Amino acid sequence: MSNNFHWPVRVYYEDTDAGGIVFYANYLKFFERARTEWLRELGIEQDLLLKQGIGFVVRSVVMNNLASAKFNDMLDVTAEIVVRKKASLVFRQAIRNQDDILIATAEVKVACVNLNQAKPIAIPEQITGVLPRV
């Protein structure tokens, strides 16, 4: 199982400012969507986890914006797990445009929580069993 997921996304007008440049906070949305799509590809549907009172919350983000994505660019958003603990995961992510220019990078730590108690819990076996080893 690969530990390097790729998710394509096109930049829409709604993602940009008046000058046609992607608003920086939208890179966080692209990163989030890539992580969600990776889980979906692994057979993990987060809506089913939510019904069980299990969720993943972002604990921390370190993001570096290196270049600007523009309206209608085709982007490749990647995600890989670099740290795997009992109740948390750290993802290294990147966004590159169609010319292979690095747009943004991020390191995102997510924690698994019991949503009813708002407390960390061990990542369920149904998830750890399909995640790649690091």
C-alpha atoms as a PDB file:
ATOM      1  CA  MET A   1       0.000   0.000   0.000  1.00  0.00           C
ATOM      2  CA  SER A   2       1.425   3.345  -1.043  1.00  0.00           C
ATOM      3  CA  ASN A   3       2.103   6.044   1.522  1.00  0.00           C
ATOM      4  CA  ASN A   4       2.003   8.790  -1.091  1.00  0.00           C
ATOM      5  CA  PHE A   5      -1.508   9.766  -2.136  1.00  0.00           C
ATOM      6  CA  HIS A   6      -2.160  12.151  -5.053  1.00  0.00           C
ATOM      7  CA  TRP A   7      -5.405  14.043  -5.528  1.00  0.00           C
ATOM      8  CA  PRO A   8      -6.027  16.349  -8.514  1.00  0.00           C
ATOM      9  CA  VAL A   9      -7.948  19.590  -8.107  1.00  0.00           C
ATOM     10  CA  ARG A  10      -8.666  22.428 -10.499  1.00  0.00           C
ATOM     11  CA  VAL A  11      -8.636  25.995  -9.214  1.00  0.00           C
ATOM     12  CA  TYR A  12     -12.063  27.553  -9.635  1.00  0.00           C
ATOM     13  CA  TYR A  13     -12.845  31.244  -9.688  1.00  0.00           C
ATOM     14  CA  GLU A  14     -14.393  30.916  -6.212  1.00  0.00           C
ATOM     15  CA  ASP A  15     -10.973  29.811  -4.874  1.00  0.00           C
ATOM     16  CA  THR A  16      -9.318  33.058  -5.923  1.00  0.00           C
ATOM     17  CA  ASP A  17      -9.175  36.705  -4.991  1.00  0.00           C
ATOM     18  CA  ALA A  18      -9.999  39.569  -7.367  1.00  0.00           C
ATOM     19  CA  GLY A  19      -6.636  39.112  -9.089  1.00  0.00           C
ATOM     20  CA  GLY A  20      -7.186  35.446  -9.905  1.00  0.00           C
ATOM     21  CA  ILE A  21      -4.719  34.211  -7.241  1.00  0.00           C
ATOM     22  CA  VAL A  22      -5.741  31.423  -4.840  1.00  0.00           C
ATOM     23  CA  PHE A  23      -6.531  32.792  -1.381  1.00  0.00           C
ATOM     24  CA  TYR A  24      -4.012  31.201   1.000  1.00  0.00           C
ATOM     25  CA  ALA A  25      -6.610  29.638   3.332  1.00  0.00           C
ATOM     26  CA  ASN A  26      -7.951  27.607   0.418  1.00  0.00           C
ATOM     27  CA  TYR A  27      -4.723  25.604   0.367  1.00  0.00           C
ATOM     28  CA  LEU A  28      -5.796  24.265   3.778  1.00  0.00           C
ATOM     29  CA  LYS A  29      -9.090  23.171   2.200  1.00  0.00           C
ATOM     30  CA  PHE A  30      -7.232  21.400  -0.602  1.00  0.00           C
ATOM     31  CA  PHE A  31      -5.033  19.614   1.962  1.00  0.00           C
ATOM     32  CA  GLU A  32      -8.108  18.576   3.967  1.00  0.00           C
ATOM     33  CA  ARG A  33      -9.891  17.253   0.885  1.00  0.00           C
ATOM     34  CA  ALA A  34      -6.856  15.197  -0.131  1.00  0.00           C
ATOM     35  CA  ARG A  35      -6.706  13.547   3.302  1.00  0.00           C
ATOM     36  CA  THR A  36     -10.446  12.828   3.160  1.00  0.00           C
ATOM     37  CA  GLU A  37     -10.221  11.360  -0.347  1.00  0.00           C
ATOM     38  CA  TRP A  38      -7.286   9.182   0.691  1.00  0.00           C
ATOM     39  CA  LEU A  39      -9.306   7.762   3.586  1.00  0.00           C
ATOM     40  CA  ARG A  40     -12.239   7.208   1.209  1.00  0.00           C
ATOM     41  CA  GLU A  41      -9.947   5.355  -1.200  1.00  0.00           C
ATOM     42  CA  LEU A  42      -8.890   3.134   1.723  1.00  0.00           C
ATOM     43  CA  GLY A  43     -12.560   2.360   2.437  1.00  0.00           C
ATOM     44  CA  ILE A  44     -12.937   4.690   5.415  1.00  0.00           C
ATOM     45  CA  GLU A  45     -16.011   6.907   5.265  1.00  0.00           C
ATOM     46  CA  GLN A  46     -15.825   9.669   7.849  1.00  0.00           C
ATOM     47  CA  ASP A  47     -19.590  10.123   8.009  1.00  0.00           C
ATOM     48  CA  LEU A  48     -19.866   6.562   9.365  1.00  0.00           C
ATOM     49  CA  LEU A  49     -17.210   7.358  11.972  1.00  0.00           C
ATOM     50  CA  LEU A  50     -19.132  10.480  12.987  1.00  0.00           C
ATOM     51  CA  LYS A  51     -22.231   8.350  13.609  1.00  0.00           C
ATOM     52  CA  GLN A  52     -20.081   6.319  16.026  1.00  0.00           C
ATOM     53  CA  GLY A  53     -18.933   9.504  17.774  1.00  0.00           C
ATOM     54  CA  ILE A  54     -15.409   9.258  16.332  1.00  0.00           C
ATOM     55  CA  GLY A  55     -13.710  12.117  14.541  1.00  0.00           C
ATOM     56  CA  PHE A  56     -10.354  13.470  13.514  1.00  0.00           C
ATOM     57  CA  VAL A  57      -9.503  17.003  14.540  1.00  0.00           C
ATOM     58  CA  VAL A  58      -6.576  19.077  13.383  1.00  0.00           C
ATOM     59  CA  ARG A  59      -4.221  19.625  16.307  1.00  0.00           C
ATOM     60  CA  SER A  60      -1.625  21.696  14.473  1.00  0.00           C
ATOM     61  CA  VAL A  61      -0.633  22.941  11.030  1.00  0.00           C
ATOM     62  CA  VAL A  62       2.643  24.326   9.778  1.00  0.00           C
ATOM     63  CA  MET A  63       2.129  25.643   6.254  1.00  0.00           C
ATOM     64  CA  ASN A  64       4.596  27.279   3.890  1.00  0.00           C
ATOM     65  CA  ASN A  65       3.304  29.183   0.881  1.00  0.00           C
ATOM     66  CA  LEU A  66       6.017  29.167  -1.774  1.00  0.00           C
ATOM     67  CA  ALA A  67       4.311  30.310  -4.984  1.00  0.00           C
ATOM     68  CA  SER A  68       0.856  31.313  -6.150  1.00  0.00           C
ATOM     69  CA  ALA A  69      -1.704  29.066  -7.752  1.00  0.00           C
ATOM     70  CA  LYS A  70      -3.962  30.826 -10.216  1.00  0.00           C
ATOM     71  CA  PHE A  71      -7.451  30.539 -11.614  1.00  0.00           C
ATOM     72  CA  ASN A  72      -7.847  27.424 -13.798  1.00  0.00           C
ATOM     73  CA  ASP A  73      -4.539  25.843 -12.695  1.00  0.00           C
ATOM     74  CA  MET A  74      -4.583  22.076 -12.376  1.00  0.00           C
ATOM     75  CA  LEU A  75      -3.068  21.143  -9.014  1.00  0.00           C
ATOM     76  CA  ASP A  76      -1.731  17.899  -7.599  1.00  0.00           C
ATOM     77  CA  VAL A  77      -2.231  17.650  -3.838  1.00  0.00           C
ATOM     78  CA  THR A  78      -0.225  14.952  -2.081  1.00  0.00           C
ATOM     79  CA  ALA A  79      -0.440  13.426   1.366  1.00  0.00           C
ATOM     80  CA  GLU A  80       1.766  10.986   3.193  1.00  0.00           C
ATOM     81  CA  ILE A  81       1.803   9.844   6.792  1.00  0.00           C
ATOM     82  CA  VAL A  82       5.147  10.607   8.438  1.00  0.00           C
ATOM     83  CA  VAL A  83       4.276   9.862  12.082  1.00  0.00           C
ATOM     84  CA  ARG A  84       1.769   7.314  13.303  1.00  0.00           C
ATOM     85  CA  LYS A  85       0.934   7.137  17.003  1.00  0.00           C
ATOM     86  CA  LYS A  86      -1.810   5.492  19.028  1.00  0.00           C
ATOM     87  CA  ALA A  87      -4.207   8.461  18.847  1.00  0.00           C
ATOM     88  CA  SER A  88      -2.686  10.746  16.203  1.00  0.00           C
ATOM     89  CA  LEU A  89      -1.220  10.969  12.723  1.00  0.00           C
ATOM     90  CA  VAL A  90       1.118  13.516  11.179  1.00  0.00           C
ATOM     91  CA  PHE A  91       0.723  14.137   7.469  1.00  0.00           C
ATOM     92  CA  ARG A  92       3.264  15.783   5.175  1.00  0.00           C
ATOM     93  CA  GLN A  93       1.447  17.420   2.291  1.00  0.00           C
ATOM     94  CA  ALA A  94       2.322  19.394  -0.812  1.00  0.00           C
ATOM     95  CA  ILE A  95       0.595  21.176  -3.671  1.00  0.00           C
ATOM     96  CA  ARG A  96       2.195  21.415  -7.115  1.00  0.00           C
ATOM     97  CA  ASN A  97       0.773  23.006 -10.234  1.00  0.00           C
ATOM     98  CA  GLN A  98       0.640  21.558 -13.753  1.00  0.00           C
ATOM     99  CA  ASP A  99       4.176  22.867 -14.393  1.00  0.00           C
ATOM    100  CA  ASP A 100       5.445  20.938 -11.327  1.00  0.00           C
ATOM    101  CA  ILE A 101       6.031  24.184  -9.418  1.00  0.00           C
ATOM    102  CA  LEU A 102       5.766  23.683  -5.662  1.00  0.00           C
ATOM    103  CA  ILE A 103       2.987  25.978  -4.452  1.00  0.00           C
ATOM    104  CA  ALA A 104       2.594  25.078  -0.783  1.00  0.00           C
ATOM    105  CA  THR A 105       3.660  22.525   1.800  1.00  0.00           C
ATOM    106  CA  ALA A 106       2.163  21.599   5.138  1.00  0.00           C
ATOM    107  CA  GLU A 107       2.703  19.330   8.075  1.00  0.00           C
ATOM    108  CA  VAL A 108      -0.663  18.538   9.646  1.00  0.00           C
ATOM    109  CA  LYS A 109      -1.151  16.695  12.925  1.00  0.00           C
ATOM    110  CA  VAL A 110      -4.586  15.174  13.422  1.00  0.00           C
ATOM    111  CA  ALA A 111      -5.885  13.554  16.585  1.00  0.00           C
ATOM    112  CA  CYS A 112      -8.576  10.904  16.857  1.00  0.00           C
ATOM    113  CA  VAL A 113     -11.211  11.943  19.376  1.00  0.00           C
ATOM    114  CA  ASN A 114     -14.367  10.733  21.020  1.00  0.00           C
ATOM    115  CA  LEU A 115     -16.651  13.550  19.898  1.00  0.00           C
ATOM    116  CA  ASN A 116     -19.118  13.060  22.760  1.00  0.00           C
ATOM    117  CA  GLN A 117     -16.421  13.452  25.411  1.00  0.00           C
ATOM    118  CA  ALA A 118     -14.089  15.725  23.390  1.00  0.00           C
ATOM    119  CA  LYS A 119     -11.166  13.528  24.445  1.00  0.00           C
ATOM    120  CA  PRO A 120      -8.446  11.740  22.486  1.00  0.00           C
ATOM    121  CA  ILE A 121      -8.935   8.030  21.842  1.00  0.00           C
ATOM    122  CA  ALA A 122      -6.914   5.337  20.134  1.00  0.00           C
ATOM    123  CA  ILE A 123      -7.381   5.237  16.380  1.00  0.00           C
ATOM    124  CA  PRO A 124      -9.782   2.325  15.763  1.00  0.00           C
ATOM    125  CA  GLU A 125      -8.396  -0.896  14.281  1.00  0.00           C
ATOM    126  CA  GLN A 126     -10.706  -0.507  11.269  1.00  0.00           C
ATOM    127  CA  ILE A 127      -8.542   2.494  10.350  1.00  0.00           C
ATOM    128  CA  THR A 128      -5.086   1.448  11.527  1.00  0.00           C
ATOM    129  CA  GLY A 129      -5.554  -1.858   9.729  1.00  0.00           C
ATOM    130  CA  VAL A 130      -5.684  -0.157   6.331  1.00  0.00           C
ATOM    131  CA  LEU A 131      -3.222   2.701   6.878  1.00  0.00           C
ATOM    132  CA  PRO A 132       0.258   2.336   5.451  1.00  0.00           C
ATOM    133  CA  ARG A 133       3.091   1.679   7.886  1.00  0.00           C
ATOM    134  CA  VAL A 134       5.648   4.439   8.389  1.00  0.00           C
END
